[in-house]
Protein backbone atom coordinates (compact mmCIF):
# COMPACT_ATOMS: atom_id res chain seq x y z
CA MET A 1 -0.05 -0.06 0.14
CA ALA A 2 1.26 3.32 -0.90
CA PRO A 3 1.69 6.21 1.75
CA GLU A 4 -1.13 8.27 1.92
CA GLY A 5 -0.57 11.44 -0.60
CA GLN A 6 1.85 9.60 -2.47
CA LYS A 7 1.43 10.37 -6.24
CA VAL A 8 0.81 7.99 -8.86
CA SER A 9 3.13 7.22 -11.75
CA LEU A 10 1.90 5.29 -14.79
CA THR A 11 4.04 3.74 -17.57
CA GLY A 12 2.74 2.38 -20.71
CA ILE A 13 5.13 -0.27 -22.88
CA LYS A 14 4.18 -0.99 -26.35
CA PRO A 15 5.20 -4.73 -27.35
CA THR A 16 6.54 -3.67 -30.87
CA GLY A 17 9.94 -5.79 -30.56
CA ASP A 18 12.55 -7.10 -28.35
CA ALA A 19 14.41 -4.65 -26.05
CA HIS A 20 17.89 -3.50 -26.86
CA LEU A 21 20.40 -1.80 -25.22
CA GLY A 22 18.99 1.61 -26.02
CA ASN A 23 15.72 1.11 -24.43
CA TYR A 24 17.15 -0.10 -21.09
CA ILE A 25 19.56 2.74 -20.91
CA GLY A 26 17.02 5.32 -22.37
CA ALA A 27 13.68 4.47 -20.90
CA ILE A 28 13.44 1.23 -18.73
CA ARG A 29 16.24 1.97 -16.20
CA PRO A 30 15.04 5.62 -15.44
CA ALA A 31 11.04 4.42 -15.48
CA LEU A 32 11.98 1.54 -12.94
CA GLU A 33 13.88 4.23 -10.54
CA MET A 34 10.65 6.01 -10.19
CA ALA A 35 9.08 3.01 -8.60
CA SER A 36 10.83 3.91 -5.44
CA ARG A 37 9.26 7.59 -5.46
CA PHE A 38 5.82 6.89 -6.40
CA GLU A 39 2.82 4.62 -6.16
CA SER A 40 3.77 2.81 -9.55
CA LEU A 41 1.62 1.26 -12.16
CA TYR A 42 3.24 -0.34 -15.47
CA PHE A 43 1.07 -1.69 -18.25
CA ILE A 44 1.67 -3.50 -21.67
CA ALA A 45 -0.02 -1.49 -24.21
CA ASP A 46 -1.04 -4.04 -26.68
CA TYR A 47 -4.02 -2.57 -28.01
CA HIS A 48 -1.74 0.62 -28.92
CA ALA A 49 0.49 -1.63 -30.57
CA LEU A 50 -2.51 -2.90 -32.85
CA THR A 51 -1.85 0.49 -35.21
CA SER A 52 1.18 -1.32 -36.58
CA VAL A 53 1.40 -4.97 -35.48
CA ARG A 54 -0.27 -7.16 -37.82
CA ASP A 55 0.96 -10.63 -36.94
CA ARG A 56 -0.67 -12.69 -34.11
CA ALA A 57 2.74 -14.54 -33.49
CA GLN A 58 4.68 -11.29 -33.06
CA MET A 59 2.11 -9.62 -30.74
CA THR A 60 2.02 -12.74 -28.57
CA SER A 61 5.91 -12.90 -28.41
CA TRP A 62 6.63 -9.19 -28.01
CA THR A 63 3.81 -8.89 -25.09
CA ARG A 64 5.46 -11.89 -23.19
CA SER A 65 8.99 -10.38 -24.07
CA VAL A 66 7.71 -7.00 -22.25
CA ALA A 67 6.86 -8.55 -19.40
CA ALA A 68 9.81 -10.86 -19.18
CA THR A 69 12.25 -7.99 -19.80
CA TRP A 70 10.57 -5.47 -17.11
CA ILE A 71 10.47 -8.27 -14.41
CA THR A 72 14.09 -9.37 -15.28
CA LEU A 73 15.29 -5.69 -15.12
CA GLY A 74 13.91 -5.29 -11.63
CA LEU A 75 10.00 -4.55 -11.87
CA ASP A 76 8.63 -5.69 -8.62
CA PRO A 77 4.88 -7.14 -9.22
CA LYS A 78 4.06 -7.13 -5.41
CA GLN A 79 5.60 -3.43 -5.10
CA THR A 80 3.61 -2.02 -8.24
CA ILE A 81 0.68 -3.09 -10.45
CA PHE A 82 1.73 -4.65 -13.57
CA TYR A 83 -0.92 -5.62 -16.22
CA ARG A 84 -1.90 -5.88 -19.80
CA GLN A 85 -4.23 -3.19 -21.20
CA SER A 86 -6.39 -5.71 -23.05
CA ASP A 87 -7.17 -7.32 -19.60
CA VAL A 88 -8.75 -4.22 -18.56
CA PRO A 89 -12.26 -3.82 -20.45
CA GLU A 90 -13.08 -0.74 -18.28
CA VAL A 91 -10.26 0.99 -20.56
CA PHE A 92 -12.03 0.65 -23.86
CA GLU A 93 -15.53 1.37 -22.73
CA LEU A 94 -14.10 4.77 -21.36
CA GLN A 95 -12.33 5.22 -24.58
CA TRP A 96 -15.67 5.45 -26.48
CA VAL A 97 -17.28 7.80 -23.96
CA LEU A 98 -14.45 10.35 -24.14
CA SER A 99 -14.24 9.87 -28.05
CA CYS A 100 -17.59 11.42 -27.74
CA VAL A 101 -16.60 14.52 -26.13
CA THR A 102 -13.26 14.98 -28.04
CA GLY A 103 -13.10 17.51 -30.76
CA LYS A 104 -11.75 16.35 -34.11
CA GLY A 105 -9.88 19.50 -34.28
CA LEU A 106 -7.78 18.32 -31.29
CA MET A 107 -7.06 15.03 -33.00
CA ASN A 108 -6.03 16.71 -36.30
CA ARG A 109 -3.32 18.78 -34.31
CA ALA A 110 -1.98 15.46 -32.87
CA HIS A 111 1.77 15.22 -33.82
CA ALA A 112 1.64 11.66 -34.95
CA TYR A 113 -1.16 12.16 -37.27
CA LYS A 114 0.09 15.36 -38.72
CA ALA A 115 3.55 13.51 -39.15
CA ALA A 116 1.98 10.79 -41.29
CA ARG A 117 0.09 13.27 -43.58
CA ASP A 118 3.29 15.18 -43.92
CA ARG A 119 4.99 11.88 -45.28
CA ASN A 120 2.05 11.28 -47.69
CA ALA A 121 2.52 14.88 -48.74
CA GLU A 122 6.35 14.37 -49.22
CA ALA A 123 5.59 11.28 -51.31
CA GLY A 124 3.26 13.43 -53.56
CA LEU A 125 0.15 11.32 -52.64
CA ALA A 126 -3.17 13.07 -53.42
CA ASP A 127 -5.05 11.52 -50.55
CA LEU A 128 -3.02 12.83 -47.55
CA ASP A 129 -4.78 10.38 -45.24
CA ALA A 130 -3.82 7.34 -47.18
CA GLY A 131 -2.55 4.49 -45.09
CA ILE A 132 -3.63 6.26 -41.84
CA ASN A 133 -5.94 4.06 -39.91
CA MET A 134 -8.60 5.31 -37.09
CA GLY A 135 -6.43 3.71 -34.48
CA LEU A 136 -3.29 6.31 -35.28
CA PHE A 137 -5.89 9.01 -35.56
CA SER A 138 -7.55 8.21 -32.27
CA TYR A 139 -4.66 6.92 -30.31
CA PRO A 140 -4.32 10.27 -28.06
CA VAL A 141 -7.96 9.31 -26.70
CA LEU A 142 -6.63 5.84 -25.54
CA MET A 143 -3.79 6.92 -24.05
CA ALA A 144 -5.69 9.77 -22.42
CA VAL A 145 -8.11 7.13 -20.87
CA ASP A 146 -4.88 5.15 -19.81
CA ILE A 147 -4.03 7.97 -17.74
CA LEU A 148 -7.50 9.10 -16.42
CA ILE A 149 -8.78 5.63 -15.34
CA MET A 150 -5.67 5.21 -13.16
CA SER A 151 -5.78 8.72 -11.74
CA ALA A 152 -2.12 9.19 -12.89
CA ASP A 153 -0.19 12.33 -11.81
CA VAL A 154 3.12 11.46 -13.45
CA VAL A 155 3.55 9.67 -16.76
CA PRO A 156 7.18 9.15 -17.88
CA VAL A 157 7.18 9.66 -21.84
CA GLY A 158 9.51 10.34 -24.79
CA LYS A 159 9.39 13.93 -25.97
CA ASP A 160 7.27 12.60 -28.75
CA GLN A 161 4.47 11.70 -26.35
CA VAL A 162 4.44 14.77 -24.20
CA GLN A 163 1.46 16.23 -26.46
CA HIS A 164 -0.59 13.11 -25.57
CA VAL A 165 -0.35 13.59 -21.70
CA GLU A 166 -1.36 17.28 -22.10
CA TYR A 167 -4.32 16.09 -24.33
CA ALA A 168 -5.36 13.76 -21.35
CA ALA A 169 -5.89 17.03 -19.24
CA ASP A 170 -7.64 18.73 -22.05
CA ILE A 171 -10.19 15.83 -22.77
CA ALA A 172 -10.72 15.43 -18.98
CA GLY A 173 -11.72 19.18 -19.00
CA SER A 174 -14.20 18.83 -21.65
CA PHE A 175 -15.84 15.87 -20.02
CA ASN A 176 -15.83 17.82 -16.74
CA HIS A 177 -17.37 20.88 -18.63
CA LEU A 178 -20.42 18.67 -19.86
CA PHE A 179 -21.17 16.51 -17.28
CA GLY A 180 -19.51 17.71 -14.04
CA ASP A 181 -16.29 17.35 -12.14
CA VAL A 182 -16.12 13.57 -12.68
CA PHE A 183 -12.47 13.55 -13.13
CA SER A 184 -10.06 15.19 -10.41
CA LEU A 185 -8.82 18.45 -11.18
CA LYS A 186 -5.14 17.60 -10.86
CA ILE A 187 -3.35 17.65 -14.18
CA PRO A 188 -1.03 14.72 -15.34
CA GLU A 189 2.67 15.73 -15.70
CA ALA A 190 4.79 14.27 -18.41
CA VAL A 191 8.37 13.54 -17.07
CA THR A 192 10.90 13.06 -19.70
CA PRO A 193 13.29 10.11 -18.53
CA PRO A 194 17.01 11.66 -18.15
CA GLY A 195 18.13 9.43 -21.02
CA GLU A 196 15.74 11.38 -23.66
CA SER A 197 17.45 14.77 -22.97
CA GLY A 198 21.12 13.26 -22.41
CA ARG A 199 23.17 11.47 -24.77
CA VAL A 200 21.65 9.00 -27.20
CA LEU A 201 22.89 5.66 -26.92
CA PRO A 202 24.69 4.79 -30.33
CA GLY A 203 23.90 1.72 -32.48
CA LEU A 204 26.17 -0.59 -34.39
CA ASP A 205 26.34 2.13 -37.31
CA GLY A 206 26.82 5.21 -34.80
CA ARG A 207 23.29 6.46 -35.33
CA LYS A 208 20.80 6.28 -32.60
CA MET A 209 20.16 2.51 -31.53
CA SER A 210 16.80 2.13 -33.17
CA LYS A 211 14.96 -0.67 -34.49
CA SER A 212 13.86 1.51 -37.35
CA TYR A 213 17.63 1.58 -38.19
CA GLN A 214 18.20 -2.14 -37.90
CA ASN A 215 21.13 -1.18 -35.80
CA THR A 216 20.41 -2.67 -32.15
CA ILE A 217 22.08 -4.61 -29.92
CA PRO A 218 19.08 -6.93 -28.18
CA LEU A 219 19.25 -6.85 -24.56
CA PHE A 220 19.23 -10.68 -23.95
CA ALA A 221 21.04 -11.71 -27.09
CA PRO A 222 22.94 -15.15 -26.85
CA GLU A 223 26.66 -14.86 -25.96
CA ALA A 224 27.86 -15.84 -29.52
CA ARG A 225 25.53 -13.31 -31.16
CA LEU A 226 26.28 -10.52 -28.50
CA ARG A 227 30.24 -11.02 -29.48
CA LYS A 228 29.51 -10.75 -33.14
CA LEU A 229 27.27 -7.77 -32.96
CA VAL A 230 29.71 -5.95 -30.74
CA ARG A 231 32.61 -6.68 -33.06
CA SER A 232 30.73 -5.22 -36.00
CA ILE A 233 30.00 -1.65 -34.38
CA LYS A 234 31.48 0.94 -36.95
CA SER A 235 34.75 2.08 -36.15
CA ASP A 236 37.29 4.09 -38.39
CA SER A 237 40.72 2.94 -39.81
CA THR A 238 43.17 4.79 -37.23
CA PRO A 239 46.10 2.49 -36.67
CA VAL A 240 46.52 0.73 -33.48
CA GLU A 241 49.58 2.84 -32.46
CA ALA A 242 48.12 6.11 -33.20
CA PRO A 243 46.20 8.20 -30.57
CA LYS A 244 42.37 8.25 -30.79
CA ASP A 245 39.29 10.22 -30.11
CA PRO A 246 37.12 8.21 -27.62
CA ASP A 247 34.48 10.46 -28.04
CA SER A 248 34.18 9.82 -31.84
CA SER A 249 33.53 6.03 -31.17
CA ALA A 250 30.37 4.32 -30.75
CA ALA A 251 31.77 1.28 -28.87
CA PHE A 252 33.51 3.92 -26.20
CA HIS A 253 30.13 5.66 -25.80
CA LEU A 254 28.43 2.10 -25.20
CA TYR A 255 31.35 1.20 -22.85
CA GLU A 256 30.96 4.38 -20.87
CA ASN A 257 27.40 3.71 -20.36
CA PHE A 258 27.79 0.13 -18.67
CA ALA A 259 31.54 0.05 -17.36
CA ALA A 260 32.65 1.16 -13.82
CA PRO A 261 33.85 4.98 -14.05
CA GLU A 262 37.24 4.03 -13.09
CA ASP A 263 37.37 1.67 -15.92
CA VAL A 264 35.98 4.19 -18.47
CA ALA A 265 38.79 6.67 -17.57
CA GLU A 266 41.45 4.14 -17.98
CA MET A 267 40.25 3.36 -21.31
CA ARG A 268 39.82 6.79 -22.38
CA ARG A 269 43.41 7.34 -21.15
CA ARG A 270 44.97 4.21 -23.15
CA LEU A 271 43.08 5.34 -26.50
CA GLU A 272 44.05 8.83 -26.20
CA ALA A 273 47.78 7.90 -25.64
CA GLY A 274 47.97 5.40 -28.53
CA GLY A 275 48.65 1.71 -28.60
CA THR A 276 45.28 0.53 -27.80
CA GLY A 277 43.26 -0.61 -30.95
CA TRP A 278 39.40 -0.36 -31.53
CA GLY A 279 39.20 -4.26 -31.35
CA GLU A 280 40.62 -4.07 -27.98
CA LEU A 281 38.11 -1.77 -26.81
CA LYS A 282 35.33 -3.84 -28.43
CA ASN A 283 36.68 -6.80 -26.60
CA ALA A 284 36.26 -4.87 -23.30
CA LEU A 285 32.92 -3.72 -24.19
CA PHE A 286 31.77 -7.27 -24.92
CA GLU A 287 33.43 -8.71 -21.60
CA GLU A 288 31.44 -5.98 -19.63
CA LEU A 289 28.10 -6.37 -21.33
CA ASN A 290 28.19 -10.05 -21.02
CA THR A 291 29.33 -10.16 -17.53
CA GLN A 292 26.28 -7.98 -16.65
CA LEU A 293 23.62 -9.48 -19.02
CA ALA A 294 24.42 -13.26 -18.60
CA PRO A 295 22.61 -13.64 -15.21
CA LEU A 296 19.70 -11.41 -16.74
CA ARG A 297 19.47 -13.39 -19.77
CA LYS A 298 19.13 -16.81 -17.69
CA ARG A 299 16.52 -15.09 -15.95
CA TYR A 300 14.70 -13.54 -19.02
CA ASP A 301 14.76 -17.06 -20.66
CA ASP A 302 13.29 -18.52 -17.76
CA LEU A 303 10.35 -16.20 -17.74
CA MET A 304 9.84 -16.59 -21.49
CA ALA A 305 9.11 -20.36 -21.03
CA PRO A 306 5.57 -21.45 -21.34
CA ASP A 307 5.09 -22.51 -17.96
CA SER A 308 6.66 -19.65 -16.24
CA GLU A 309 4.95 -17.20 -13.56
CA ILE A 310 4.24 -14.33 -15.88
CA ASP A 311 0.64 -15.34 -16.82
CA ALA A 312 -0.09 -15.37 -12.74
CA ILE A 313 1.74 -12.03 -12.39
CA LEU A 314 -0.34 -10.55 -15.41
CA ALA A 315 -3.61 -11.80 -14.15
CA GLU A 316 -3.07 -10.74 -10.60
CA GLY A 317 -2.00 -7.27 -11.93
CA ALA A 318 -5.34 -7.00 -14.30
CA GLN A 319 -7.55 -7.69 -11.14
CA ARG A 320 -5.72 -4.96 -9.21
CA ALA A 321 -5.96 -2.73 -12.20
CA ARG A 322 -9.61 -3.31 -12.50
CA GLU A 323 -10.18 -2.59 -8.97
CA ARG A 324 -8.78 1.03 -9.65
CA ALA A 325 -10.37 1.55 -12.89
CA ARG A 326 -14.18 0.39 -11.86
CA PRO A 327 -14.95 3.47 -9.69
CA VAL A 328 -13.72 5.68 -12.45
CA LEU A 329 -15.78 4.25 -15.09
CA ALA A 330 -18.89 4.04 -12.72
CA GLY A 331 -18.66 7.71 -12.04
CA VAL A 332 -18.46 8.44 -15.72
CA ARG A 333 -21.33 6.00 -16.62
CA ARG A 334 -23.55 7.81 -13.76
CA ALA A 335 -22.66 11.26 -15.01
CA VAL A 336 -23.56 10.49 -18.68
CA GLY A 337 -26.55 8.44 -17.72
CA VAL A 338 -26.30 4.82 -18.71
CA ASP A 339 -25.87 3.37 -15.14
CA GLY A 340 -29.35 1.62 -15.51
CA LEU A 341 -32.87 2.88 -14.82
């Protein structure tokens, strides 16, 4: 039970692929650290993922992978509420109600929708809405419901999602104006994890590590694959004996995010002095990553097994989430007049 007056933090994770090192440093680790400061809820946003995921097997696998990843990395389902969005039907009933009080003009200004139309315009398409489904268009309403139905105060998001958190307050205000103060007057606050505003973790080619660039290092890659991926990190042709600039190296940026500060300082000194090649740096990076990730890899593989405790954890989390959601939805139903005769 959270201390009285403690603020509520809500984190949603879309199952759109297996986690990589960039996800861990930029989003997962900062979000997990918030559990010690807030009453925390984490959910797998599988219905959000339907805007782009079209393969049943992928959806099932990635949903399980999200659950296994976060538990492996330290999420405590006894301390927090951890649930699958699709297991809380109250969310989707409330989405329809709030869709009926949300102006289309507000949705027209949503960044994701505008970006999709801009891409169509750049491609020279006459129909600027080509390929845009209603799930993408109304995505902000569903996200607003995720936030409002759990009475969240704080929502950790990337910079591209800040607008959606602001929309939650706008939509709640529209409902309250029509039907009375059903939703609390507190305004949810978007919190950008430190990794979003600090240094971006580079991928194999030196660009931001991202699934869209296909340059990621999966967090739980088997040892042999991890070694191969680390050795493939792009580097320049500076001779071993020549001094090197560590800050120009993707491998060094990765190393400094995982190695101890004193080891990072020593590696920097050796590279700048010359006599240490990029290959030696990559070997040190692999050893550091493998040492840290090997026990996590074992835990993750155990959780991914068909008979693991994940199903029970998510079922219990869904029950706790629904207990929070039901009173909110009941208040909405009374306010709009669909709570029975």
